[in-house]
Amino acid sequence: MARVRLIGPEPVTVPELGGRTVQPDEVVEVPDARFDAYVCQPTTWESVEEPKGLEPKKTAARPQKEG
């Protein structure tokens, strides 16, 4: 499981975590498959530990033209 920290100013209730209320500055474990759904909210959550076994996202490279 990945880990994220709540950096928002107010506690939030997270239905995905069984309706648990997460306090500001608290670190929680989230399912690896849902990690991106948290860190895409940079004013609310920050990454603490990324999912294991997942490669960093890469952008497609343009094919090089030969000479």
Protein backbone atom coordinates (compact mmCIF):
# COMPACT_ATOMS: atom_id res chain seq x y z
CA MET A 1 0.00 0.00 0.00
CA ALA A 2 1.08 3.54 -0.73
CA ARG A 3 1.12 6.31 1.87
CA VAL A 4 -0.05 9.92 1.64
CA ARG A 5 -0.22 12.84 4.07
CA LEU A 6 -3.17 15.17 4.44
CA ILE A 7 -1.79 18.69 4.05
CA GLY A 8 -5.15 20.45 3.90
CA PRO A 9 -6.18 22.71 6.81
CA GLU A 10 -9.31 20.76 7.82
CA PRO A 11 -10.00 17.11 8.69
CA VAL A 12 -11.58 15.15 5.85
CA THR A 13 -13.75 12.04 5.85
CA VAL A 14 -12.51 9.52 3.30
CA PRO A 15 -15.24 7.06 2.26
CA GLU A 16 -12.66 4.87 0.50
CA LEU A 17 -10.98 4.28 3.87
CA GLY A 18 -14.17 3.05 5.51
CA GLY A 19 -15.47 6.54 6.26
CA ARG A 20 -12.43 7.33 8.36
CA THR A 21 -11.77 10.96 9.31
CA VAL A 22 -8.19 11.96 8.51
CA GLN A 23 -6.65 14.83 10.46
CA PRO A 24 -4.29 17.49 9.01
CA ASP A 25 -0.67 16.25 8.84
CA GLU A 26 -1.82 12.62 9.35
CA VAL A 27 -0.25 9.92 7.17
CA VAL A 28 -2.55 7.17 5.90
CA GLU A 29 -2.16 4.09 3.73
CA VAL A 30 -4.15 4.04 0.51
CA PRO A 31 -4.56 1.30 -2.10
CA ASP A 32 -1.74 1.40 -4.67
CA ALA A 33 -4.24 1.54 -7.52
CA ARG A 34 -5.80 4.70 -6.03
CA PHE A 35 -2.57 6.56 -5.19
CA ASP A 36 -2.86 8.87 -8.21
CA ALA A 37 -6.34 9.94 -7.12
CA TYR A 38 -4.83 11.41 -3.97
CA VAL A 39 -1.63 12.99 -5.26
CA CYS A 40 -3.47 14.67 -8.13
CA GLN A 41 -4.89 16.94 -5.39
CA PRO A 42 -1.64 18.73 -4.43
CA THR A 43 -3.33 21.26 -2.13
CA THR A 44 -4.85 18.45 -0.07
CA TRP A 45 -2.50 15.42 -0.21
CA GLU A 46 1.23 14.82 -0.60
CA SER A 47 3.06 11.62 -1.38
CA VAL A 48 4.92 9.93 1.48
CA GLU A 49 5.54 6.51 -0.06
CA GLU A 50 4.74 5.65 -3.66
CA PRO A 51 3.25 2.31 -4.66
CA LYS A 52 5.81 -0.47 -4.81
CA GLY A 53 6.52 -2.21 -8.08
CA LEU A 54 5.13 0.56 -10.27
CA GLU A 55 7.48 2.19 -12.72
CA PRO A 56 7.42 5.97 -12.99
CA LYS A 57 5.20 7.24 -15.77
CA LYS A 58 7.04 7.98 -18.97
CA THR A 59 6.02 10.03 -21.95
CA ALA A 60 6.15 8.52 -25.39
CA ALA A 61 9.34 9.37 -27.24
CA ARG A 62 9.20 10.61 -30.80
CA PRO A 63 10.89 8.31 -33.28
CA GLN A 64 14.24 9.65 -34.45
CA LYS A 65 14.60 10.44 -38.12
CA GLU A 66 17.43 8.74 -39.89
CA GLY A 67 19.95 10.84 -41.67
